[in-house]
N, C-alpha and C. Protein backbone atom coordinates (compact mmCIF):
# COMPACT_ATOMS: atom_id res chain seq x y z
N MET A 1 5.86 -88.98 183.34
CA MET A 1 5.45 -89.89 184.39
C MET A 1 4.16 -89.40 185.04
N GLY A 2 4.06 -88.10 185.20
CA GLY A 2 2.86 -87.53 185.80
C GLY A 2 1.62 -87.75 184.93
N ARG A 3 1.82 -87.73 183.61
CA ARG A 3 0.69 -87.95 182.70
C ARG A 3 0.14 -89.36 182.84
N ILE A 4 1.05 -90.32 182.95
CA ILE A 4 0.61 -91.72 183.06
C ILE A 4 -0.20 -91.93 184.33
N ILE A 5 0.27 -91.38 185.42
CA ILE A 5 -0.46 -91.52 186.69
C ILE A 5 -1.80 -90.82 186.61
N LYS A 6 -1.84 -89.67 185.97
CA LYS A 6 -3.09 -88.93 185.81
C LYS A 6 -4.08 -89.74 184.99
N TRP A 7 -3.63 -90.33 183.87
CA TRP A 7 -4.52 -91.12 183.02
C TRP A 7 -4.96 -92.40 183.72
N LEU A 8 -4.08 -93.03 184.48
CA LEU A 8 -4.47 -94.22 185.23
C LEU A 8 -5.53 -93.89 186.28
N PHE A 9 -5.34 -92.75 186.94
CA PHE A 9 -6.33 -92.31 187.93
C PHE A 9 -7.68 -92.06 187.27
N ILE A 10 -7.68 -91.41 186.13
CA ILE A 10 -8.93 -91.15 185.41
C ILE A 10 -9.58 -92.45 184.96
N LEU A 11 -8.78 -93.41 184.48
CA LEU A 11 -9.33 -94.70 184.06
C LEU A 11 -9.92 -95.48 185.24
N VAL A 12 -9.28 -95.40 186.39
CA VAL A 12 -9.81 -96.07 187.58
C VAL A 12 -11.14 -95.46 187.98
N ILE A 13 -11.23 -94.15 187.95
CA ILE A 13 -12.48 -93.46 188.30
C ILE A 13 -13.58 -93.83 187.30
N LEU A 14 -13.27 -93.80 186.01
CA LEU A 14 -14.27 -94.16 185.00
C LEU A 14 -14.68 -95.63 185.12
N GLY A 15 -13.74 -96.49 185.42
CA GLY A 15 -14.06 -97.91 185.62
C GLY A 15 -14.99 -98.11 186.81
N GLY A 16 -14.75 -97.38 187.89
CA GLY A 16 -15.63 -97.47 189.06
C GLY A 16 -17.03 -96.98 188.75
N ILE A 17 -17.11 -95.88 188.02
CA ILE A 17 -18.43 -95.36 187.63
C ILE A 17 -19.15 -96.36 186.72
N ALA A 18 -18.41 -96.97 185.79
CA ALA A 18 -19.02 -97.96 184.90
C ALA A 18 -19.49 -99.18 185.68
N LEU A 19 -18.72 -99.62 186.66
CA LEU A 19 -19.12 -100.77 187.47
C LEU A 19 -20.38 -100.49 188.28
N VAL A 20 -20.44 -99.32 188.88
CA VAL A 20 -21.64 -98.95 189.64
C VAL A 20 -22.83 -98.80 188.71
N GLY A 21 -22.63 -98.20 187.55
CA GLY A 21 -23.72 -98.07 186.58
C GLY A 21 -24.22 -99.43 186.11
N TYR A 22 -23.31 -100.37 185.86
CA TYR A 22 -23.71 -101.71 185.45
C TYR A 22 -24.47 -102.42 186.56
N ALA A 23 -24.09 -102.19 187.81
CA ALA A 23 -24.79 -102.82 188.92
C ALA A 23 -26.23 -102.31 189.02
N TYR A 24 -26.45 -101.05 188.70
CA TYR A 24 -27.80 -100.49 188.76
C TYR A 24 -28.61 -100.80 187.51
N VAL A 25 -28.00 -100.78 186.34
CA VAL A 25 -28.73 -100.93 185.08
C VAL A 25 -28.74 -102.37 184.60
N GLY A 26 -27.83 -103.20 185.08
CA GLY A 26 -27.70 -104.58 184.63
C GLY A 26 -28.97 -105.40 184.69
N PRO A 27 -29.75 -105.35 185.78
CA PRO A 27 -30.98 -106.14 185.83
C PRO A 27 -31.99 -105.80 184.73
N PHE A 28 -31.96 -104.59 184.20
CA PHE A 28 -32.87 -104.23 183.12
C PHE A 28 -32.49 -104.93 181.81
N PHE A 29 -31.23 -105.34 181.70
CA PHE A 29 -30.75 -106.01 180.49
C PHE A 29 -30.59 -107.51 180.66
N GLY A 30 -31.10 -108.06 181.76
CA GLY A 30 -31.09 -109.50 181.94
C GLY A 30 -29.98 -110.04 182.82
N ALA A 31 -29.15 -109.20 183.39
CA ALA A 31 -28.10 -109.67 184.29
C ALA A 31 -28.71 -109.87 185.68
N ASP A 32 -28.58 -111.08 186.21
CA ASP A 32 -29.15 -111.39 187.52
C ASP A 32 -28.01 -111.54 188.52
N PHE A 33 -27.97 -110.67 189.51
CA PHE A 33 -26.90 -110.67 190.48
C PHE A 33 -27.27 -111.35 191.79
N SER A 34 -28.51 -111.83 191.91
CA SER A 34 -28.93 -112.43 193.17
C SER A 34 -28.36 -113.84 193.31
N PRO A 35 -28.00 -114.23 194.52
CA PRO A 35 -27.46 -115.57 194.72
C PRO A 35 -28.58 -116.61 194.63
N PRO A 36 -28.25 -117.85 194.28
CA PRO A 36 -29.28 -118.88 194.23
C PRO A 36 -29.82 -119.15 195.64
N GLN A 37 -31.13 -119.26 195.73
CA GLN A 37 -31.77 -119.42 197.03
C GLN A 37 -32.09 -120.89 197.24
N THR A 38 -31.38 -121.52 198.16
CA THR A 38 -31.64 -122.90 198.52
C THR A 38 -31.61 -123.02 200.04
N GLU A 39 -32.45 -123.90 200.55
CA GLU A 39 -32.48 -124.12 201.99
C GLU A 39 -31.49 -125.23 202.33
N ILE A 40 -30.68 -124.98 203.33
CA ILE A 40 -29.69 -125.96 203.76
C ILE A 40 -29.97 -126.31 205.22
N ARG A 41 -30.18 -127.61 205.46
CA ARG A 41 -30.42 -128.06 206.83
C ARG A 41 -29.29 -128.98 207.25
N THR A 42 -28.70 -128.67 208.38
CA THR A 42 -27.60 -129.47 208.91
C THR A 42 -27.94 -129.88 210.32
N PRO A 43 -27.98 -131.19 210.62
CA PRO A 43 -28.29 -131.61 211.99
C PRO A 43 -27.13 -131.24 212.93
N VAL A 44 -27.52 -130.84 214.14
CA VAL A 44 -26.54 -130.43 215.14
C VAL A 44 -26.75 -131.28 216.39
N GLU A 45 -25.68 -131.87 216.90
CA GLU A 45 -25.75 -132.61 218.16
C GLU A 45 -25.20 -131.75 219.28
N LEU A 46 -25.97 -131.61 220.33
CA LEU A 46 -25.54 -130.83 221.48
C LEU A 46 -25.11 -131.78 222.58
N ASP A 47 -23.95 -131.56 223.15
CA ASP A 47 -23.45 -132.41 224.22
C ASP A 47 -23.86 -131.83 225.56
N ALA A 48 -25.15 -131.89 225.86
CA ALA A 48 -25.66 -131.37 227.12
C ALA A 48 -25.77 -132.52 228.13
N GLN A 49 -25.43 -132.23 229.38
CA GLN A 49 -25.48 -133.28 230.40
C GLN A 49 -26.60 -133.04 231.34
């Protein structure tokens, strides 16, 4: 049981390192992580007296 937990812990650590590495290296390989940039205008009515 201890071995399984140890291996799961190691896999989680390696997965985290791989995710961070992909976040840094991904744009060099064509992965675009930026959100689409669009302007949104919404009219607002103020109930001032």
